[in-house]
Amino acid sequence: MSISPSPQQADAIAAIVEWYRHRRGQQQVFRLFGYAGTGKSTITAAAIQALGLDPLARGGGGAGGVLFAAFTGKAALVMTRKGTPASTIHSLIYRVSEATPEEIARVETELANLRRTRPRMGPAERAFAETQIRRLELRLADIHKPTFLLNEQSLVRDAALVVLDEVSMVGREMAADLLAFGKPILVLGDPGQLPPIKDAGAFTDAPPDVMLTEIHRQAGESAIIRLATMARQGIEIPPGPHDEHVWKLPRSAVSPAQMLRGGQVICGRNDTRLWLNASMKAAAGFPDIYPAGRSEKIICLRNRHDLGLVNGMFVSLSGIEDEDELSFRASVTTEDGVAIAGRHRFYKGHYDDHLRRDPERERRDWRALRGLIETSWGYAITCHKAQGSQWENVIVYDDRLSRTPEDRARWLYTAITRAERGLVILD
């Protein structure tokens, strides 16, 4: 690899090399932060080369192995497509443990017996039984959820270095589990992006070892980077054209039919996502409640590593047949054109939500969900779902999802930086 780094970039490369060679035993995590366009990935590759480590090692590779990971499956997929084989942090360090049908049946039987015999109990015995019933009810409410345990045999054990990208979404519990392996970790963060939904960014809540602020000359010529910088700084983006591919327009200026031709639509609220998907699907001439195999835009909502499907991946369905009240069966092809062998069952519930949203649907359907592939319409997705992904052209439907000016700046910055070439902001 041959680059001509700026003085700031050269200092960053030298700092990473110095940390790894002399201080990784005392400082496990090195934080390389930078905003969009500052060259974090380029600097990382140069530092790994300077250290003589193998950037393509899968499985640790002994003393020279580097493992790459990201929070979301789609971010790991994007890294892999760009030549850096990566996995999700989750799949890298956890193994799944699920309740067996026998265990579920045992809990249900015990609960039913207590409920049946409670009326015949004395006061003291009944009070104790009611405590047991509440405990079993809580256990049964969550028994369908898989439990993820730290994998002692993880590939991280033998890695020389772990590199994490898109770390703004990593929560404290996952970070602590990763750190427990004791390996040096280089984290790449963008403090301007959205934090995790339920947790503060575990790797972005501490000062960086290196903060990149200088935009690459080529990146600085991009209207997308200019608008992202304005959004991050809380500066109101003016309406109109910003180059031939980047515009800010009122929402009324673009119809759902026009959105279909404009690229990936990103919004803030789930209610907005449902409305946009319904409107764009209708504009595309797809009136059915469920996919019919007519080139509809469908997104995968949960990882299915056994099938090569990752959360955030777009898929195509064919040969669709209704199965039962909660599922249909179809053949599936990934967005990379890979046909998954066999025919598989898909959950209907996320499509039903576009007609009538039901917050209790997944909890009610948890038994049926085991083994089903979860997908939904993907014409519009939320910014949190888009995090870690990029598209050539993006439409940002600004539905003003924000609690504070800082929240709004993070949301808009993250949405804008999903675009590579073309961008339309609808306000």
Protein backbone atom coordinates (compact mmCIF):
# COMPACT_ATOMS: atom_id res chain seq x y z
CA MET A 1 0.00 0.00 0.00
CA SER A 2 1.34 3.41 -0.97
CA ILE A 3 -0.19 6.65 0.26
CA SER A 4 1.04 10.18 0.77
CA PRO A 5 -0.33 10.99 4.21
CA SER A 6 -0.85 14.51 5.45
CA PRO A 7 1.12 15.51 8.56
CA GLN A 8 -1.92 14.75 10.74
CA GLN A 9 -2.36 11.35 9.12
CA ALA A 10 1.36 10.54 9.44
CA ASP A 11 1.21 11.40 13.13
CA ALA A 12 -1.81 9.10 13.51
CA ILE A 13 -0.01 6.18 11.83
CA ALA A 14 3.05 6.72 14.03
CA ALA A 15 0.89 6.87 17.17
CA ILE A 16 -0.81 3.54 16.38
CA VAL A 17 2.53 1.86 15.67
CA GLU A 18 4.06 3.25 18.89
CA TRP A 19 1.08 2.08 20.97
CA TYR A 20 1.12 -1.43 19.56
CA ARG A 21 4.85 -1.93 19.86
CA HIS A 22 5.41 -0.36 23.28
CA ARG A 23 2.19 0.23 25.23
CA ARG A 24 -0.45 -2.32 24.29
CA GLY A 25 0.27 -4.25 27.49
CA GLN A 26 -0.69 -1.24 29.59
CA GLN A 27 -3.35 0.24 27.28
CA GLN A 28 -5.62 -2.38 25.73
CA VAL A 29 -7.70 -0.04 23.54
CA PHE A 30 -6.43 2.58 21.08
CA ARG A 31 -9.12 4.97 19.89
CA LEU A 32 -8.75 6.41 16.39
CA PHE A 33 -11.63 8.82 15.86
CA GLY A 34 -12.43 10.99 12.91
CA TYR A 35 -15.31 12.51 11.02
CA ALA A 36 -16.40 11.45 7.55
CA GLY A 37 -13.73 12.12 4.96
CA THR A 38 -10.71 12.12 7.30
CA GLY A 39 -9.31 8.75 6.17
CA LYS A 40 -9.61 6.43 9.18
CA SER A 41 -9.59 3.26 7.08
CA THR A 42 -6.61 4.39 5.02
CA ILE A 43 -4.62 5.23 8.14
CA THR A 44 -5.49 1.88 9.72
CA ALA A 45 -4.30 -0.06 6.67
CA ALA A 46 -1.04 1.91 6.62
CA ALA A 47 -0.43 1.27 10.33
CA ILE A 48 -1.08 -2.46 9.98
CA GLN A 49 1.35 -2.58 7.06
CA ALA A 50 3.99 -0.70 9.06
CA LEU A 51 3.61 -3.23 11.89
CA GLY A 52 4.04 -6.16 9.53
CA LEU A 53 0.71 -7.70 10.51
CA ASP A 54 -1.48 -9.68 8.12
CA PRO A 55 -4.61 -7.64 7.42
CA LEU A 56 -6.42 -10.56 5.79
CA ALA A 57 -5.99 -13.16 8.51
CA ARG A 58 -9.14 -15.09 9.35
CA GLY A 59 -8.91 -17.02 12.57
CA GLY A 60 -6.12 -15.14 14.25
CA GLY A 61 -3.25 -16.33 12.09
CA GLY A 62 -0.87 -16.76 15.04
CA ALA A 63 1.30 -13.84 16.03
CA GLY A 64 0.57 -11.91 12.85
CA GLY A 65 -3.20 -12.25 12.70
CA VAL A 66 -5.61 -9.31 12.58
CA LEU A 67 -9.34 -9.78 13.06
CA PHE A 68 -11.75 -7.17 11.71
CA ALA A 69 -15.27 -6.74 13.05
CA ALA A 70 -18.18 -4.29 13.11
CA PHE A 71 -21.32 -3.97 15.19
CA THR A 72 -23.85 -4.62 12.40
CA GLY A 73 -23.90 -7.46 9.91
CA LYS A 74 -24.31 -5.01 7.05
CA ALA A 75 -21.25 -3.00 8.13
CA ALA A 76 -19.21 -6.22 8.26
CA LEU A 77 -20.53 -7.13 4.81
CA VAL A 78 -19.53 -3.71 3.42
CA MET A 79 -16.01 -4.12 4.86
CA THR A 80 -15.72 -7.58 3.32
CA ARG A 81 -16.85 -6.34 -0.08
CA LYS A 82 -14.17 -3.65 0.04
CA GLY A 83 -11.46 -6.26 0.57
CA THR A 84 -11.28 -6.48 4.37
CA PRO A 85 -12.85 -9.76 5.55
CA ALA A 86 -14.90 -8.94 8.63
CA SER A 87 -17.53 -10.43 10.92
CA THR A 88 -19.93 -8.97 13.45
CA ILE A 89 -18.58 -8.51 16.98
CA HIS A 90 -21.53 -10.58 18.15
CA SER A 91 -20.71 -13.64 16.04
CA LEU A 92 -17.03 -13.25 16.87
CA ILE A 93 -17.32 -13.50 20.65
CA TYR A 94 -20.65 -15.16 21.52
CA ARG A 95 -22.28 -18.55 21.25
CA VAL A 96 -26.03 -19.00 21.42
CA SER A 97 -27.90 -20.92 24.11
CA GLU A 98 -31.63 -21.49 23.63
CA ALA A 99 -34.23 -23.04 25.90
CA THR A 100 -35.15 -26.55 24.76
CA PRO A 101 -38.78 -27.49 24.04
CA GLU A 102 -38.60 -29.75 27.10
CA GLU A 103 -37.52 -26.86 29.34
CA ILE A 104 -40.32 -24.64 28.01
CA ALA A 105 -42.88 -27.41 28.56
CA ARG A 106 -41.59 -27.95 32.11
CA VAL A 107 -42.05 -24.26 32.99
CA GLU A 108 -45.52 -24.18 31.43
CA THR A 109 -46.58 -27.32 33.32
CA GLU A 110 -45.27 -26.02 36.64
CA LEU A 111 -47.07 -22.70 36.13
CA ALA A 112 -50.35 -24.42 35.18
CA ASN A 113 -50.19 -26.71 38.24
CA LEU A 114 -49.65 -23.77 40.60
CA ARG A 115 -52.54 -21.82 39.08
CA ARG A 116 -54.83 -24.87 39.32
CA THR A 117 -54.02 -25.71 42.97
CA ARG A 118 -53.79 -22.14 44.30
CA PRO A 119 -57.53 -21.80 45.18
CA ARG A 120 -57.29 -24.83 47.51
CA MET A 121 -54.23 -23.53 49.42
CA GLY A 122 -54.13 -21.91 52.83
CA PRO A 123 -53.21 -18.21 53.17
CA ALA A 124 -49.48 -18.72 53.84
CA GLU A 125 -49.11 -21.41 51.18
CA ARG A 126 -51.08 -19.31 48.68
CA ALA A 127 -48.82 -16.27 49.23
CA PHE A 128 -45.76 -18.40 48.54
CA ALA A 129 -47.41 -19.92 45.44
CA GLU A 130 -48.27 -16.46 44.10
CA THR A 131 -44.61 -15.46 44.39
CA GLN A 132 -43.65 -18.60 42.45
CA ILE A 133 -46.31 -17.88 39.82
CA ARG A 134 -44.98 -14.35 39.23
CA ARG A 135 -41.45 -15.71 38.92
CA LEU A 136 -42.52 -18.37 36.42
CA GLU A 137 -44.59 -15.86 34.42
CA LEU A 138 -41.55 -13.60 34.09
CA ARG A 139 -39.41 -16.59 33.10
CA LEU A 140 -41.91 -17.72 30.48
CA ALA A 141 -42.27 -14.21 29.04
CA ASP A 142 -38.58 -14.22 28.06
CA ILE A 143 -37.91 -17.92 27.62
CA HIS A 144 -38.30 -17.65 23.86
CA LYS A 145 -35.37 -15.24 23.64
CA PRO A 146 -32.01 -16.86 22.92
CA THR A 147 -29.30 -16.31 25.52
CA PHE A 148 -25.87 -15.40 24.24
CA LEU A 149 -22.87 -16.63 26.20
CA LEU A 150 -19.25 -15.62 25.84
CA ASN A 151 -17.50 -18.08 23.54
CA GLU A 152 -14.29 -19.21 25.25
CA GLN A 153 -13.14 -20.73 21.94
CA SER A 154 -13.53 -17.48 19.99
CA LEU A 155 -10.99 -16.68 17.29
CA VAL A 156 -10.14 -13.58 19.32
CA ARG A 157 -8.09 -15.80 21.66
CA ASP A 158 -5.30 -16.18 19.09
CA ALA A 159 -5.47 -12.78 17.37
CA ALA A 160 -2.56 -10.36 17.47
CA LEU A 161 -4.90 -7.39 17.00
CA VAL A 162 -8.64 -6.77 16.76
CA VAL A 163 -9.84 -3.85 14.63
CA LEU A 164 -13.40 -2.60 15.20
CA ASP A 165 -15.18 -0.30 12.78
CA GLU A 166 -18.45 1.60 13.30
CA VAL A 167 -17.97 1.42 17.09
CA SER A 168 -20.42 4.18 17.96
CA MET A 169 -23.15 1.51 18.29
CA VAL A 170 -21.25 -0.78 20.67
CA GLY A 171 -22.77 -0.84 24.17
CA ARG A 172 -21.03 -1.31 27.50
CA GLU A 173 -21.84 -5.00 28.04
CA MET A 174 -20.56 -6.08 24.63
CA ALA A 175 -17.43 -3.93 25.04
CA ALA A 176 -16.69 -5.50 28.44
CA ASP A 177 -17.09 -9.00 26.99
CA LEU A 178 -14.70 -8.21 24.15
CA LEU A 179 -12.13 -6.68 26.49
CA ALA A 180 -12.24 -9.84 28.63
CA PHE A 181 -10.16 -11.65 26.00
CA GLY A 182 -7.25 -9.33 26.85
CA LYS A 183 -6.28 -8.65 23.22
CA PRO A 184 -5.18 -5.24 21.90
CA ILE A 185 -8.07 -3.50 20.18
CA LEU A 186 -7.92 -0.66 17.66
CA VAL A 187 -11.31 1.02 17.45
CA LEU A 188 -12.37 3.33 14.62
CA GLY A 189 -15.05 5.75 15.68
CA ASP A 190 -16.96 8.72 14.40
CA PRO A 191 -18.21 10.78 17.37
CA GLY A 192 -20.68 12.53 15.11
CA GLN A 193 -22.75 9.38 14.53
CA LEU A 194 -25.71 8.01 16.43
CA PRO A 195 -25.03 6.14 19.67
CA PRO A 196 -26.68 2.79 20.47
CA ILE A 197 -30.45 2.99 20.97
CA LYS A 198 -30.38 1.67 24.56
CA ASP A 199 -26.85 2.38 25.72
CA ALA A 200 -24.12 4.99 25.56
CA GLY A 201 -21.27 4.29 23.12
CA ALA A 202 -18.81 2.30 25.21
CA PHE A 203 -15.85 3.17 23.01
CA THR A 204 -16.86 6.70 22.09
CA ASP A 205 -17.53 8.03 25.60
CA ALA A 206 -13.79 8.37 26.35
CA PRO A 207 -11.33 10.82 24.75
CA PRO A 208 -9.68 9.53 21.56
CA ASP A 209 -5.97 8.80 21.36
CA VAL A 210 -6.06 10.40 17.92
CA MET A 211 -8.82 12.67 16.62
CA LEU A 212 -8.74 13.31 12.88
CA THR A 213 -10.25 16.63 11.93
CA GLU A 214 -8.74 17.39 8.53
CA ILE A 215 -10.90 16.40 5.60
CA HIS A 216 -9.05 14.78 2.68
CA ARG A 217 -8.66 17.12 -0.25
CA GLN A 218 -10.74 14.84 -2.50
CA ALA A 219 -13.32 14.28 0.23
CA GLY A 220 -13.47 18.01 0.88
CA GLU A 221 -14.60 18.55 -2.70
CA SER A 222 -17.68 16.42 -2.04
CA ALA A 223 -20.94 18.25 -1.41
CA ILE A 224 -22.03 15.29 0.71
CA ILE A 225 -19.09 15.80 3.07
CA ARG A 226 -19.75 19.55 3.18
CA LEU A 227 -23.40 19.02 4.10
CA ALA A 228 -22.50 16.31 6.63
CA THR A 229 -20.09 18.73 8.29
CA MET A 230 -22.79 21.42 8.43
CA ALA A 231 -25.24 18.94 9.96
CA ARG A 232 -22.70 17.83 12.56
CA GLN A 233 -22.01 21.44 13.51
CA GLY A 234 -25.72 22.23 13.80
CA ILE A 235 -25.67 24.63 10.85
CA GLU A 236 -28.95 24.81 8.93
CA ILE A 237 -28.48 23.41 5.43
CA PRO A 238 -29.90 25.86 2.86
CA PRO A 239 -32.44 24.61 0.30
CA GLY A 240 -31.61 24.16 -3.34
CA PRO A 241 -28.77 22.47 -5.24
CA HIS A 242 -25.35 21.94 -3.65
CA ASP A 243 -23.93 20.27 -6.74
CA GLU A 244 -25.54 18.44 -9.65
CA HIS A 245 -26.16 15.34 -7.51
CA VAL A 246 -26.92 16.88 -4.09
CA TRP A 247 -30.11 18.82 -3.31
CA LYS A 248 -32.27 19.92 -0.43
CA LEU A 249 -35.97 20.13 -1.29
CA PRO A 250 -39.33 20.41 0.49
CA ARG A 251 -41.07 17.11 1.08
CA SER A 252 -43.92 18.11 -1.20
CA ALA A 253 -41.52 18.37 -4.14
CA VAL A 254 -40.91 14.62 -4.37
CA SER A 255 -43.67 12.01 -4.71
CA PRO A 256 -43.44 8.37 -3.58
CA ALA A 257 -43.12 7.37 -7.24
CA GLN A 258 -40.15 9.71 -7.66
CA MET A 259 -38.58 8.36 -4.46
CA LEU A 260 -38.53 4.93 -6.07
CA ARG A 261 -36.04 6.25 -8.62
CA GLY A 262 -34.01 8.34 -6.20
CA GLY A 263 -32.13 5.71 -4.19
CA GLN A 264 -32.43 4.37 -0.67
CA VAL A 265 -34.87 6.33 1.51
CA ILE A 266 -33.80 6.94 5.12
CA CYS A 267 -36.13 8.36 7.78
CA GLY A 268 -36.20 8.76 11.54
CA ARG A 269 -39.40 7.31 12.98
CA ASN A 270 -40.80 3.81 12.62
CA ASP A 271 -44.25 5.23 11.89
CA THR A 272 -42.75 7.26 9.05
CA ARG A 273 -40.99 4.14 7.74
CA LEU A 274 -44.26 2.19 7.67
CA TRP A 275 -46.09 5.01 5.88
CA LEU A 276 -43.32 5.55 3.32
CA ASN A 277 -43.03 1.84 2.58
CA ALA A 278 -46.78 1.53 2.04
CA SER A 279 -46.83 4.62 -0.21
CA MET A 280 -43.79 3.62 -2.27
CA LYS A 281 -44.94 0.02 -2.62
CA ALA A 282 -48.30 1.22 -3.92
CA ALA A 283 -46.57 3.63 -6.32
CA ALA A 284 -44.50 0.71 -7.61
CA GLY A 285 -47.69 -1.18 -8.41
CA PHE A 286 -47.39 -3.81 -5.67
CA PRO A 287 -50.77 -3.87 -3.84
CA ASP A 288 -50.30 -7.19 -2.03
CA ILE A 289 -49.92 -7.40 1.73
CA TYR A 290 -47.01 -9.84 1.36
CA PRO A 291 -44.29 -10.16 -1.29
CA ALA A 292 -45.36 -11.78 -4.54
CA GLY A 293 -41.96 -12.16 -6.20
CA ARG A 294 -42.27 -9.18 -8.53
CA SER A 295 -38.97 -7.42 -7.78
CA GLU A 296 -40.26 -5.85 -4.57
CA LYS A 297 -37.64 -4.27 -2.32
CA ILE A 298 -37.22 -6.48 0.75
CA ILE A 299 -34.76 -6.15 3.63
CA CYS A 300 -33.60 -8.79 6.10
CA LEU A 301 -34.27 -7.78 9.72
CA ARG A 302 -32.24 -10.40 11.63
CA ASN A 303 -29.05 -12.32 11.02
CA ARG A 304 -29.35 -15.89 9.79
CA HIS A 305 -25.71 -16.87 9.62
CA ASP A 306 -26.62 -20.47 8.79
CA LEU A 307 -28.09 -19.19 5.52
CA GLY A 308 -25.67 -16.35 4.82
CA LEU A 309 -28.31 -13.69 5.54
CA VAL A 310 -27.40 -10.64 7.61
CA ASN A 311 -29.44 -7.90 9.24
CA GLY A 312 -29.72 -4.99 6.78
CA MET A 313 -29.12 -7.08 3.65
CA PHE A 314 -31.58 -6.72 0.77
CA VAL A 315 -32.96 -9.93 -0.70
CA SER A 316 -35.10 -11.08 -3.62
CA LEU A 317 -37.85 -13.67 -3.19
CA SER A 318 -39.34 -15.98 -5.80
CA GLY A 319 -41.68 -18.94 -5.95
CA ILE A 320 -43.70 -17.51 -3.07
CA GLU A 321 -46.44 -19.73 -1.60
CA ASP A 322 -48.68 -19.06 1.37
CA GLU A 323 -47.84 -21.42 4.23
CA ASP A 324 -50.09 -20.56 7.16
CA GLU A 325 -51.44 -17.60 9.15
CA LEU A 326 -47.95 -16.47 10.21
CA SER A 327 -45.67 -17.49 7.36
CA PHE A 328 -45.11 -17.94 3.65
CA ARG A 329 -42.52 -20.05 1.84
CA ALA A 330 -40.13 -18.80 -0.86
CA SER A 331 -36.74 -19.12 -2.51
CA VAL A 332 -34.32 -16.34 -1.60
CA THR A 333 -31.42 -14.65 -3.37
CA THR A 334 -29.08 -12.20 -1.63
CA GLU A 335 -28.29 -8.71 -2.92
CA ASP A 336 -24.96 -10.15 -4.15
CA GLY A 337 -26.85 -12.54 -6.42
CA VAL A 338 -26.22 -15.63 -4.30
CA ALA A 339 -29.15 -18.07 -4.40
CA ILE A 340 -29.68 -19.73 -1.02
CA ALA A 341 -30.27 -23.45 -1.44
CA GLY A 342 -33.75 -24.75 -0.67
CA ARG A 343 -37.04 -23.07 0.08
CA HIS A 344 -37.51 -21.26 3.37
CA ARG A 345 -40.28 -19.96 5.60
CA PHE A 346 -40.70 -16.22 6.16
CA TYR A 347 -42.53 -14.40 8.95
CA LYS A 348 -45.57 -12.35 7.90
CA GLY A 349 -45.78 -10.16 10.99
CA HIS A 350 -43.51 -7.31 9.88
CA TYR A 351 -45.57 -6.97 6.70
CA ASP A 352 -48.80 -7.00 8.72
CA ASP A 353 -47.45 -4.03 10.69
CA HIS A 354 -47.71 -1.93 7.53
CA LEU A 355 -51.48 -2.38 7.72
CA ARG A 356 -51.88 -2.24 11.50
CA ARG A 357 -48.94 -1.84 13.82
CA ASP A 358 -49.12 -4.19 16.79
CA PRO A 359 -46.42 -3.71 19.49
CA GLU A 360 -47.32 -7.08 21.02
CA ARG A 361 -47.14 -9.03 17.76
CA GLU A 362 -43.62 -10.46 18.12
CA ARG A 363 -44.13 -11.40 21.77
CA ARG A 364 -47.36 -13.15 20.87
CA ASP A 365 -45.80 -14.96 17.89
CA TRP A 366 -42.53 -15.95 19.55
CA ARG A 367 -43.09 -19.70 19.15
CA ALA A 368 -43.71 -19.40 15.42
CA LEU A 369 -40.77 -17.04 14.98
CA ARG A 370 -38.29 -19.75 15.91
CA GLY A 371 -36.85 -20.86 12.57
CA LEU A 372 -38.62 -18.22 10.44
CA ILE A 373 -36.70 -15.64 8.40
CA GLU A 374 -37.66 -12.08 9.35
CA THR A 375 -37.92 -9.59 6.51
CA SER A 376 -39.91 -6.47 5.68
CA TRP A 377 -40.40 -3.90 2.95
CA GLY A 378 -37.15 -2.02 2.44
CA TYR A 379 -38.10 0.97 0.32
CA ALA A 380 -37.61 3.15 3.42
CA ILE A 381 -35.56 2.27 6.49
CA THR A 382 -34.72 4.11 9.69
CA CYS A 383 -31.35 5.76 10.15
CA HIS A 384 -30.47 3.27 12.90
CA LYS A 385 -31.08 0.39 10.47
CA ALA A 386 -28.98 2.21 7.84
CA GLN A 387 -26.01 2.69 10.16
CA GLY A 388 -22.99 0.82 8.86
CA SER A 389 -24.34 0.76 5.28
CA GLN A 390 -23.79 3.01 2.28
CA TRP A 391 -25.59 3.48 -1.03
CA GLU A 392 -24.69 5.35 -4.19
CA ASN A 393 -27.83 7.50 -3.91
CA VAL A 394 -29.80 8.34 -0.76
CA ILE A 395 -32.98 10.28 0.00
CA VAL A 396 -33.08 11.58 3.58
CA TYR A 397 -36.70 12.10 4.64
CA ASP A 398 -36.25 14.46 7.56
CA ASP A 399 -39.19 13.80 9.89
CA ARG A 400 -37.51 15.78 12.68
CA LEU A 401 -36.73 12.86 14.96
CA SER A 402 -34.83 14.54 17.78
CA ARG A 403 -34.99 15.32 21.46
CA THR A 404 -32.17 17.85 21.57
CA PRO A 405 -30.15 19.84 19.01
CA GLU A 406 -27.28 17.37 19.56
CA ASP A 407 -29.55 14.40 18.83
CA ARG A 408 -30.74 16.05 15.64
CA ALA A 409 -27.19 16.83 14.52
CA ARG A 410 -26.13 13.20 15.07
CA TRP A 411 -29.16 11.83 13.26
CA LEU A 412 -28.84 14.07 10.22
CA TYR A 413 -25.06 13.63 10.00
CA THR A 414 -25.39 9.84 10.14
CA ALA A 415 -28.14 9.82 7.49
CA ILE A 416 -26.23 12.10 5.11
CA THR A 417 -23.02 10.08 5.36
CA ARG A 418 -24.84 6.95 4.12
CA ALA A 419 -24.72 8.50 0.61
CA GLU A 420 -21.74 7.96 -1.68
CA ARG A 421 -22.63 10.07 -4.74
CA GLY A 422 -26.19 11.37 -4.87
CA LEU A 423 -28.17 12.89 -1.99
CA VAL A 424 -31.59 14.52 -1.67
CA ILE A 425 -32.68 15.90 1.71
CA LEU A 426 -36.44 16.32 2.02
CA ASP A 427 -37.40 18.76 4.76
